[in-house]
Structures are given as structure tokens and as C-alpha cells.
Amino acid sequence: MEKTSFMIAAVVLLVNNSLGCLAMTSLTTDQSALLAFKAHITSDPSGVLAKNWSTTASVCHWIGVSCSVLQQRVTALNLSHMGLTGTLSPHLGNLSFLALLGLSFNHFHGQIPEDWASLHQLEEIYLGYNNFSGDVPSWVGNFSNLKLLDLKYNQLTGSIPYAIFNMSSLQRVYLTSNGLYGSLPEDMCDHVSKLEGLFLSSNRLYGQIPSSLYKCRDLQYLSLSFNNFNGSIPREIGNLTMLKMLYIGNNDLKGVIPSEIGNLANLEIVSLQSGSLTGSIPSFIFNISSLRIIDLTNNNLSGSLPKDIHYDLPFLEELYLTSNQLSGQFPPGLWECKGLRSLSLSVNKFTGSISRKIGNLTLLRDLYLGQNNLTVPLITSNLNANDCASLICQHF
């Protein structure tokens, strides 16, 4: 009996020692990967890595590094906003437990290493606001746990890898302000059912906006502005009932604004500026009570605005309708939109008189009403030069 107990204790001790050695070996692997990353840094203005990343301390105590409690493996590397300069070490691909990688707001350059394809545990990638070049790595599509991909404000080129749209875990994609080109696949929403935010503005994307976008039913933020998309605005966008922000301006979109946009009861911002849109503004838009910002500037829209525009827009802060063909009486209800900060209706065909109630808009900072057919009374109420920093009323 004593011999049996001794053997069991010996086995347990051997297993524990083996696990301890394995953990130590694994942590040494992580340390080597991080030191290789440090060796690729050519400028560390705050001296964080030089002073803190020392082999005399566990990597789990290094600034920007987090480890799991059980495995004692590196699970997060966050060095954003450090002002670091250099290239990315391929050895970071050895951090096999890494779930979060944050290197945004630095001065990294070069390409994103192919060796990182082995980081299968990644859930969040933040590499925005650097100077990365080359393609968006297609191997990102193999990360089955990835929820957030942030590569905005870099110099990436090529097309968006189709594999990205096969990631069922993906919730947000930020590719804004790169040099990406190509079209969006028609079936882009077939496999990304959890997608909440798609940010692709300021690239060179072209083709039509896929009508199948309605399949991304959890989508809350859609930003496709400043590209070369053409065709019409798909009516199916009206099925994205979770949508809060819609930016699709500064493209080559034509046709009318679909009335189905009026179905977006949670919409806070709609920006369709600088296109070739025609027809009248659907009255349903002015019934979306959650709207804070409406920007339809620089199109060819016609018709009039509802007189009681304020009834269903209690949170309206900014209204931009400049450079269209809008006409009719200036809507008196605008003076009841007490939250207005910016009002831009210049270069249209509005008629009538500007009410003295304009003085009730005490939050107003920007007022552009020029180049219409309006008459203006002397403003003697609460609105003054200090309240309205950009009052442009010439050529009424």
C-alpha cells in the first residue's frame, strides 16, 4: 500500500514538473518572439521597450504585454500610441496564444508578415494609423475567432480578400483610407451574419453597392463614402433595420433616394452627399426621429421641405442640403429644432422670409443660407455674431 502511494506521488510530481518545464519553455518562446519584435524597432521615443522590456523580468510584467493566468502565455500585445518606428517582426507569429494585437497610431512600415498566419487565436487586430504597404493579407480569413480587423489609414493596395467575407465570427472591419480597389462581392453577407460595422471609405473601390447587403442584418455602421461606386442606392438597404450610421456619399451614385430608407428607425446619421441623386427627398426620412445628421449636399435633388420638419426630428443637430434644386417656402419648423448646430441650405431656390425665431437657435454655430430667394429681417434676438461663427447670408 505504501509502495503504491509512493508511486502515485512520484507520477504526480513528475507530471507537475513536466508541465512546469513546458510552461517555462513556452514562455521562453514568447519572450524570444517579443525580443525579436523589439529588435525591429528603430525608434522608441519614450524608451518604453528599452527600459522595461528586460530579460530580468517575466514577459508577463512587460509594458503592453498581458498573459493568461493558467497557461502563463502571452495573450495580448498592445503598444498603440507609443510613437514606435520600425518594421514588423515575423517572429510574432510564434505567440500562439495571442488573442489581441494592438499596434495602431505608430510609425510602422513595410508589409504585414506572412508568418503571422499562424496566429489562429487572434480575436482583435489593431494596426491602423501606420504606414503599412502591400496587400491586405488573405490569411486573415483563416482566423476563425477574429471579431475585429482594423487596418485603417495605411497604404495598403490590392483588392479586399474574398476570404474576409467568409469569417462567421467577424463583427467589425476597418479598412478606411487605404488604396484598395476592386468591387464588393454580391454574396459578401452570406457568411458574416454577425457583422456590425463595415468601414471602407476613402479607397478606390468601384462597381455597384451589392443589393445583398440586407443579409448583414446586424449591420449598424456602413461607411462606403469617397470611392467610385456607381449605379443606384439599393432599395434593400431599407431592410437593415439595425443601421445607425449610413455614409455612402462622394461616389457616382445616380437615381432617386429610395423611400425604403424611411424604414431605418434607428438611423442617426445619413450622408449621401456629392453624388448625382435626383428626385425629391423622401418624406419618410423626416419621420426618422433618431436622426441627428442629414447630409444630402451637392446632388440634384428637387422639391420642397415639409413645413413641420421639427415634429419628428427632435434630435436634429446638423442639416446639410446645399447645392441642390430645392424650392418652395423656407420651412418655418426649422426654427423649432432647438438642437440645431449647423444649418446649410445655400445654393437652392428657397423663397420666403427668415423668421426672427432664428434667434431661438441658441446652439447654432454654422448658418449657410446664401444664394436663395430669401428676405432677411434684422436679427435682434438671442442669435449674435459670437453664437453663429459662420453666418453666410449674402445673395439671398
Protein backbone atom coordinates (compact mmCIF):
# COMPACT_ATOMS: atom_id res chain seq x y z
CA MET A 1 0.00 0.00 0.00
CA GLU A 2 2.82 2.36 0.95
CA LYS A 3 4.65 1.45 -2.26
CA THR A 4 1.53 2.22 -4.34
CA SER A 5 1.05 5.61 -2.66
CA PHE A 6 4.70 6.40 -3.24
CA MET A 7 4.41 5.56 -6.94
CA ILE A 8 1.29 7.74 -7.35
CA ALA A 9 3.01 10.65 -5.64
CA ALA A 10 6.05 10.20 -7.84
CA VAL A 11 3.92 10.22 -11.00
CA VAL A 12 2.07 13.37 -9.88
CA LEU A 13 5.37 15.08 -9.11
CA LEU A 14 6.78 14.07 -12.48
CA VAL A 15 3.70 15.38 -14.32
CA ASN A 16 3.77 18.68 -12.43
CA ASN A 17 7.46 19.11 -13.15
CA SER A 18 6.86 18.32 -16.81
CA LEU A 19 4.04 20.85 -17.03
CA GLY A 20 6.17 23.42 -15.28
CA CYS A 21 9.02 22.86 -17.70
CA LEU A 22 6.60 23.01 -20.63
CA ALA A 23 5.14 26.30 -19.38
CA MET A 24 8.63 27.70 -18.88
CA THR A 25 9.67 26.58 -22.36
CA SER A 26 6.52 28.10 -23.88
CA LEU A 27 7.05 31.38 -22.06
CA THR A 28 10.65 31.42 -23.28
CA THR A 29 9.30 31.05 -26.81
CA ASP A 30 7.05 34.06 -26.23
CA GLN A 31 9.97 36.03 -24.80
CA SER A 32 12.11 35.26 -27.84
CA ALA A 33 9.30 36.38 -30.15
CA LEU A 34 8.89 39.69 -28.29
CA LEU A 35 12.65 40.35 -28.20
CA ALA A 36 12.75 39.76 -31.96
CA PHE A 37 9.92 42.29 -32.30
CA LYS A 38 11.92 44.75 -30.18
CA ALA A 39 14.97 44.27 -32.42
CA HIS A 40 12.93 45.52 -35.41
CA ILE A 41 12.16 48.83 -33.66
CA THR A 42 14.36 51.66 -34.94
CA SER A 43 12.83 54.44 -32.84
CA ASP A 44 11.32 54.25 -29.36
CA PRO A 45 10.95 57.92 -28.36
CA SER A 46 9.53 57.24 -24.91
CA GLY A 47 12.05 54.49 -24.23
CA VAL A 48 9.34 52.09 -23.10
CA LEU A 49 10.84 48.99 -24.70
CA ALA A 50 14.44 49.92 -23.93
CA LYS A 51 13.77 50.50 -20.24
CA ASN A 52 11.04 47.99 -19.48
CA TRP A 53 11.44 45.02 -21.79
CA SER A 54 14.26 43.33 -19.90
CA THR A 55 15.06 39.63 -19.56
CA THR A 56 15.48 40.17 -15.83
CA ALA A 57 11.68 40.31 -15.52
CA SER A 58 8.97 37.98 -16.76
CA VAL A 59 7.45 38.99 -20.09
CA CYS A 60 4.10 38.99 -18.30
CA HIS A 61 5.28 42.10 -16.44
CA TRP A 62 6.45 43.98 -19.55
CA ILE A 63 4.55 47.11 -20.54
CA GLY A 64 1.97 46.35 -23.20
CA VAL A 65 2.02 42.60 -22.55
CA SER A 66 -0.73 40.54 -20.90
CA CYS A 67 -0.61 36.84 -20.07
CA SER A 68 -3.17 34.18 -19.28
CA VAL A 69 -3.32 33.13 -15.63
CA LEU A 70 -3.41 29.38 -16.20
CA GLN A 71 -1.06 28.83 -19.13
CA GLN A 72 1.18 31.84 -18.41
CA ARG A 73 1.30 32.58 -22.14
CA VAL A 74 1.16 35.96 -23.86
CA THR A 75 -2.46 36.65 -24.85
CA ALA A 76 -2.31 40.37 -25.63
CA LEU A 77 0.25 42.80 -27.04
CA ASN A 78 -0.92 46.41 -27.00
CA LEU A 79 1.63 49.11 -27.86
CA SER A 80 -0.70 51.58 -29.55
CA HIS A 81 0.07 55.31 -29.29
CA MET A 82 3.75 54.69 -28.43
CA GLY A 83 5.29 56.55 -31.38
CA LEU A 84 7.27 53.46 -32.38
CA THR A 85 9.05 53.25 -35.74
CA GLY A 86 10.21 50.10 -37.49
CA THR A 87 9.03 47.03 -39.35
CA LEU A 88 7.04 44.09 -38.07
CA SER A 89 8.94 41.02 -36.93
CA PRO A 90 7.73 37.74 -38.43
CA HIS A 91 8.60 36.07 -35.10
CA LEU A 92 5.42 37.48 -33.54
CA GLY A 93 3.80 34.58 -35.37
CA ASN A 94 5.18 32.36 -32.58
CA LEU A 95 2.85 33.92 -29.99
CA SER A 96 0.44 31.03 -30.42
CA PHE A 97 -1.93 32.16 -27.63
CA LEU A 98 -2.19 35.78 -28.79
CA ALA A 99 -5.81 37.00 -28.83
CA LEU A 100 -5.29 40.77 -29.11
CA LEU A 101 -2.69 42.63 -31.17
CA GLY A 102 -2.67 46.42 -30.88
CA LEU A 103 -0.02 48.46 -32.71
CA SER A 104 -2.11 51.36 -34.02
CA PHE A 105 -1.07 55.02 -34.02
CA ASN A 106 2.63 54.33 -34.55
CA HIS A 107 5.03 54.65 -37.49
CA PHE A 108 5.44 51.06 -38.58
CA HIS A 109 6.10 50.46 -42.27
CA GLY A 110 6.63 47.59 -44.67
CA GLN A 111 4.34 44.65 -45.20
CA ILE A 112 2.38 42.59 -42.71
CA PRO A 113 4.40 39.35 -42.34
CA GLU A 114 3.08 36.12 -43.82
CA ASP A 115 4.39 34.31 -40.73
CA TRP A 116 1.55 35.82 -38.74
CA ALA A 117 -0.79 33.38 -40.48
CA SER A 118 -0.19 31.01 -37.56
CA LEU A 119 -1.85 33.35 -35.02
CA HIS A 120 -5.10 31.37 -35.05
CA GLN A 121 -6.24 32.57 -31.62
CA LEU A 122 -6.46 36.22 -32.65
CA GLU A 123 -9.77 37.90 -31.90
CA GLU A 124 -8.83 41.57 -32.37
CA ILE A 125 -6.23 43.17 -34.67
CA TYR A 126 -5.48 46.90 -34.41
CA LEU A 127 -2.89 48.06 -36.97
CA GLY A 128 -4.49 51.33 -38.05
CA TYR A 129 -2.73 54.69 -38.44
CA ASN A 130 0.65 53.38 -39.59
CA ASN A 131 2.41 53.23 -42.96
CA PHE A 132 1.93 49.60 -43.91
CA SER A 133 2.08 48.78 -47.61
CA GLY A 134 1.30 45.75 -49.74
CA ASP A 135 -1.90 43.74 -49.80
CA VAL A 136 -4.41 43.02 -47.09
CA PRO A 137 -3.21 39.53 -46.07
CA SER A 138 -5.61 36.87 -47.31
CA TRP A 139 -4.65 34.51 -44.47
CA VAL A 140 -6.67 36.69 -42.09
CA GLY A 141 -9.66 34.83 -43.48
CA ASN A 142 -8.42 31.67 -41.73
CA PHE A 143 -8.79 33.18 -38.25
CA SER A 144 -11.99 31.54 -37.08
CA ASN A 145 -12.13 33.61 -33.86
CA LEU A 146 -11.47 37.04 -35.34
CA LYS A 147 -14.07 39.63 -34.34
CA LEU A 148 -12.36 42.90 -35.24
CA LEU A 149 -9.94 43.80 -38.04
CA ASP A 150 -8.58 47.36 -38.03
CA LEU A 151 -6.17 48.32 -40.84
CA LYS A 152 -7.41 51.86 -41.49
CA TYR A 153 -5.20 54.78 -42.52
CA ASN A 154 -2.33 52.85 -44.07
CA GLN A 155 -1.04 52.48 -47.62
CA LEU A 156 -2.44 49.06 -48.39
CA THR A 157 -3.27 48.26 -52.01
CA GLY A 158 -4.87 45.47 -53.99
CA SER A 159 -8.36 44.12 -53.58
CA ILE A 160 -10.12 43.12 -50.39
CA PRO A 161 -9.54 39.36 -49.94
CA TYR A 162 -12.72 37.40 -50.52
CA ALA A 163 -11.81 35.22 -47.54
CA ILE A 164 -12.62 38.10 -45.18
CA PHE A 165 -16.28 37.74 -46.08
CA ASN A 166 -16.22 34.07 -45.06
CA MET A 167 -15.45 34.77 -41.40
CA SER A 168 -18.56 33.95 -39.40
CA SER A 169 -17.13 35.49 -36.20
CA LEU A 170 -16.32 38.88 -37.76
CA GLN A 171 -18.12 41.87 -36.26
CA ARG A 172 -16.21 44.96 -37.45
CA VAL A 173 -13.89 45.70 -40.38
CA TYR A 174 -11.98 48.99 -40.64
CA LEU A 175 -10.17 49.46 -43.97
CA THR A 176 -10.77 53.22 -44.33
CA SER A 177 -8.20 55.41 -46.11
CA ASN A 178 -6.03 52.95 -47.99
CA GLY A 179 -5.52 52.40 -51.71
CA LEU A 180 -7.79 49.38 -52.06
CA TYR A 181 -9.58 48.78 -55.34
CA GLY A 182 -11.98 46.31 -56.88
CA SER A 183 -15.65 45.61 -56.32
CA LEU A 184 -17.54 44.08 -53.42
CA PRO A 185 -18.79 40.51 -53.96
CA GLU A 186 -22.53 40.15 -54.38
CA ASP A 187 -22.58 37.39 -51.77
CA MET A 188 -20.48 39.36 -49.28
CA CYS A 189 -23.04 38.98 -46.49
CA ASP A 190 -23.76 35.28 -46.90
CA HIS A 191 -21.27 34.21 -44.22
CA VAL A 192 -20.71 37.27 -41.99
CA SER A 193 -24.03 37.24 -40.19
CA LYS A 194 -22.56 38.93 -37.09
CA LEU A 195 -21.11 41.92 -38.97
CA GLU A 196 -21.96 45.17 -37.16
CA GLY A 197 -19.60 47.66 -38.79
CA LEU A 198 -18.16 47.88 -42.31
CA PHE A 199 -15.84 50.86 -42.84
CA LEU A 200 -14.41 51.08 -46.38
CA SER A 201 -14.44 54.84 -47.05
CA SER A 202 -11.66 56.66 -48.90
CA ASN A 203 -10.40 53.88 -51.13
CA ARG A 204 -10.71 53.21 -54.87
CA LEU A 205 -13.50 50.67 -54.76
CA TYR A 206 -15.89 50.56 -57.69
CA GLY A 207 -18.89 48.73 -59.08
CA GLN A 208 -22.37 48.68 -57.63
CA ILE A 209 -23.19 48.53 -53.95
CA PRO A 210 -24.35 44.91 -53.52
CA SER A 211 -28.10 44.60 -53.06
CA SER A 212 -27.41 41.56 -50.86
CA LEU A 213 -26.23 43.88 -48.08
CA TYR A 214 -29.62 43.30 -46.47
CA LYS A 215 -28.36 39.87 -45.36
CA CYS A 216 -25.99 41.60 -42.91
CA ARG A 217 -28.95 42.08 -40.60
CA ASP A 218 -26.87 43.13 -37.58
CA LEU A 219 -25.15 45.93 -39.50
CA GLN A 220 -25.16 49.19 -37.55
CA TYR A 221 -22.42 51.17 -39.30
CA LEU A 222 -21.96 51.26 -43.06
CA SER A 223 -19.31 53.60 -44.47
CA LEU A 224 -18.59 53.42 -48.22
CA SER A 225 -18.07 57.11 -48.99
CA PHE A 226 -15.25 58.58 -51.09
CA ASN A 227 -14.96 55.67 -53.51
CA ASN A 228 -16.05 55.10 -57.10
CA PHE A 229 -19.23 53.13 -56.57
CA ASN A 230 -21.81 53.64 -59.31
CA GLY A 231 -25.37 52.70 -60.07
CA SER A 232 -28.25 53.39 -57.74
CA ILE A 233 -28.68 53.07 -54.00
CA PRO A 234 -30.08 49.56 -53.48
CA ARG A 235 -33.57 49.61 -52.01
CA GLU A 236 -32.63 46.58 -49.94
CA ILE A 237 -30.68 48.88 -47.61
CA GLY A 238 -34.08 49.63 -46.10
CA ASN A 239 -34.03 46.13 -44.59
CA LEU A 240 -31.00 46.94 -42.41
CA THR A 241 -33.21 47.92 -39.51
CA MET A 242 -30.31 48.00 -37.01
CA LEU A 243 -28.43 50.62 -39.04
CA LYS A 244 -27.37 53.73 -37.11
CA MET A 245 -24.91 55.38 -39.50
CA LEU A 246 -25.05 55.37 -43.30
CA TYR A 247 -22.18 57.01 -45.20
CA ILE A 248 -22.31 56.40 -48.96
CA GLY A 249 -21.66 59.91 -50.29
CA ASN A 250 -18.90 61.08 -52.64
CA ASN A 251 -19.45 58.28 -55.11
CA ASP A 252 -21.02 58.21 -58.56
CA LEU A 253 -24.46 57.15 -57.39
CA LYS A 254 -27.45 58.12 -59.52
CA GLY A 255 -31.21 57.85 -59.38
CA VAL A 256 -33.57 58.61 -56.54
CA ILE A 257 -33.15 58.19 -52.81
CA PRO A 258 -35.11 55.01 -52.10
CA SER A 259 -38.08 55.57 -49.84
CA GLU A 260 -37.16 52.33 -48.05
CA ILE A 261 -34.54 54.31 -46.12
CA GLY A 262 -37.52 55.54 -44.12
CA ASN A 263 -37.68 52.05 -42.59
CA LEU A 264 -34.40 52.61 -40.73
CA ALA A 265 -35.93 53.58 -37.41
CA ASN A 266 -32.57 53.57 -35.59
CA LEU A 267 -30.72 55.75 -38.10
CA GLU A 268 -28.77 58.63 -36.55
CA ILE A 269 -26.62 59.78 -39.48
CA VAL A 270 -27.40 59.66 -43.19
CA SER A 271 -24.75 61.04 -45.54
CA LEU A 272 -25.41 60.86 -49.28
CA GLN A 273 -23.55 63.99 -50.37
CA SER A 274 -21.78 64.71 -53.66
CA GLY A 275 -23.46 62.26 -55.98
CA SER A 276 -25.88 62.59 -58.89
CA LEU A 277 -29.07 61.86 -57.00
CA THR A 278 -32.31 63.22 -58.42
CA GLY A 279 -35.96 63.43 -57.46
CA SER A 280 -37.36 64.68 -54.20
CA ILE A 281 -36.21 63.86 -50.70
CA PRO A 282 -38.50 61.07 -49.44
CA SER A 283 -40.75 62.47 -46.75
CA PHE A 284 -40.15 59.30 -44.76
CA ILE A 285 -36.62 60.48 -43.98
CA PHE A 286 -38.05 63.36 -41.99
CA ASN A 287 -40.03 60.86 -39.92
CA ILE A 288 -36.96 59.07 -38.53
CA SER A 289 -36.98 60.53 -35.04
CA SER A 290 -33.49 59.25 -34.16
CA LEU A 291 -31.75 61.30 -36.90
CA ARG A 292 -29.06 63.72 -35.73
CA ILE A 293 -27.25 64.47 -39.00
CA ILE A 294 -28.63 64.66 -42.55
CA ASP A 295 -26.18 65.44 -45.36
CA LEU A 296 -27.51 65.47 -48.93
CA THR A 297 -25.23 68.27 -50.16
CA ASN A 298 -24.25 68.64 -53.80
CA ASN A 299 -26.76 66.50 -55.64
CA ASN A 300 -29.60 67.39 -58.00
CA LEU A 301 -32.50 66.95 -55.60
CA SER A 302 -35.70 68.91 -56.13
CA GLY A 303 -38.98 69.54 -54.37
CA SER A 304 -39.72 71.24 -51.08
CA LEU A 305 -39.18 70.53 -47.40
CA PRO A 306 -42.06 69.78 -45.02
CA LYS A 307 -43.20 72.83 -43.05
CA ASP A 308 -43.44 70.86 -39.82
CA ILE A 309 -39.98 69.33 -40.20
CA HIS A 310 -39.35 69.68 -36.48
CA TYR A 311 -42.17 67.40 -35.32
CA ASP A 312 -40.40 64.10 -35.96
CA LEU A 313 -36.76 65.24 -35.74
CA PRO A 314 -36.35 66.15 -32.06
CA PHE A 315 -32.63 65.31 -32.04
CA LEU A 316 -31.60 67.03 -35.28
CA GLU A 317 -28.20 68.72 -34.89
CA GLU A 318 -26.91 69.15 -38.44
CA LEU A 319 -28.78 69.59 -41.73
CA TYR A 320 -26.79 69.96 -44.97
CA LEU A 321 -28.75 70.41 -48.20
CA THR A 322 -26.54 72.92 -50.04
CA SER A 323 -26.18 72.86 -53.84
CA ASN A 324 -29.38 71.16 -54.94
CA GLN A 325 -32.54 72.31 -56.75
CA LEU A 326 -34.77 72.52 -53.69
CA SER A 327 -37.55 75.11 -53.79
CA GLY A 328 -40.66 76.29 -52.01
CA GLN A 329 -41.16 78.22 -48.82
CA PHE A 330 -38.41 78.08 -46.27
CA PRO A 331 -39.76 75.60 -43.68
CA PRO A 332 -40.67 77.55 -40.54
CA GLY A 333 -40.43 74.38 -38.48
CA LEU A 334 -36.64 74.57 -38.68
CA TRP A 335 -36.67 77.38 -36.12
CA GLU A 336 -38.19 74.93 -33.65
CA CYS A 337 -35.29 72.47 -33.99
CA LYS A 338 -33.69 73.72 -30.80
CA GLY A 339 -30.72 71.34 -31.02
CA LEU A 340 -29.50 72.62 -34.40
CA ARG A 341 -25.79 73.40 -34.53
CA SER A 342 -25.24 73.56 -38.29
CA LEU A 343 -27.77 74.52 -40.97
CA SER A 344 -26.66 74.68 -44.60
CA LEU A 345 -29.32 75.29 -47.28
CA SER A 346 -27.44 77.65 -49.61
CA VAL A 347 -27.43 77.44 -53.43
CA ASN A 348 -31.04 76.32 -53.80
CA LYS A 349 -34.31 78.05 -54.77
CA PHE A 350 -35.98 78.60 -51.42
CA THR A 351 -38.31 81.58 -51.08
CA GLY A 352 -39.90 83.44 -48.21
CA SER A 353 -38.59 85.28 -45.19
CA ILE A 354 -36.19 84.25 -42.47
CA SER A 355 -38.17 84.41 -39.26
CA ARG A 356 -36.91 86.28 -36.24
CA LYS A 357 -37.32 82.96 -34.47
CA ILE A 358 -33.89 82.13 -35.82
CA GLY A 359 -32.70 83.72 -32.60
CA ASN A 360 -34.19 80.80 -30.69
CA LEU A 361 -31.49 78.50 -32.09
CA THR A 362 -29.04 79.28 -29.33
CA LEU A 363 -26.78 76.31 -30.15
CA LEU A 364 -26.35 77.32 -33.80
CA ARG A 365 -22.73 77.73 -34.90
CA ASP A 366 -22.90 77.50 -38.68
CA LEU A 367 -25.65 79.00 -40.83
CA TYR A 368 -25.42 78.97 -44.63
CA LEU A 369 -28.50 80.30 -46.44
CA GLY A 370 -26.96 82.28 -49.29
CA GLN A 371 -27.92 82.14 -52.98
CA ASN A 372 -31.62 81.58 -52.47
CA ASN A 373 -34.57 83.96 -52.85
CA LEU A 374 -34.97 84.81 -49.19
CA THR A 375 -35.55 88.04 -47.33
CA VAL A 376 -33.81 88.60 -44.02
CA PRO A 377 -35.08 90.75 -41.13
CA LEU A 378 -32.79 92.43 -38.68
CA ILE A 379 -31.72 89.82 -36.16
CA THR A 380 -32.35 91.30 -32.74
CA SER A 381 -32.91 88.25 -30.58
CA ASN A 382 -30.58 85.76 -28.94
CA LEU A 383 -28.50 84.96 -32.04
CA ASN A 384 -25.40 87.12 -32.33
CA ALA A 385 -22.02 87.12 -34.02
CA ASN A 386 -20.45 85.13 -31.23
CA ASP A 387 -23.17 82.47 -31.29
CA CYS A 388 -23.04 81.94 -35.05
CA ALA A 389 -19.44 81.76 -36.17
CA SER A 390 -20.16 81.18 -39.86
CA LEU A 391 -23.30 83.13 -40.72
CA ILE A 392 -23.34 83.31 -44.52
CA CYS A 393 -26.40 85.19 -45.72
CA GLN A 394 -25.22 87.11 -48.76
CA HIS A 395 -27.05 86.91 -52.11
CA PHE A 396 -30.40 85.89 -50.73
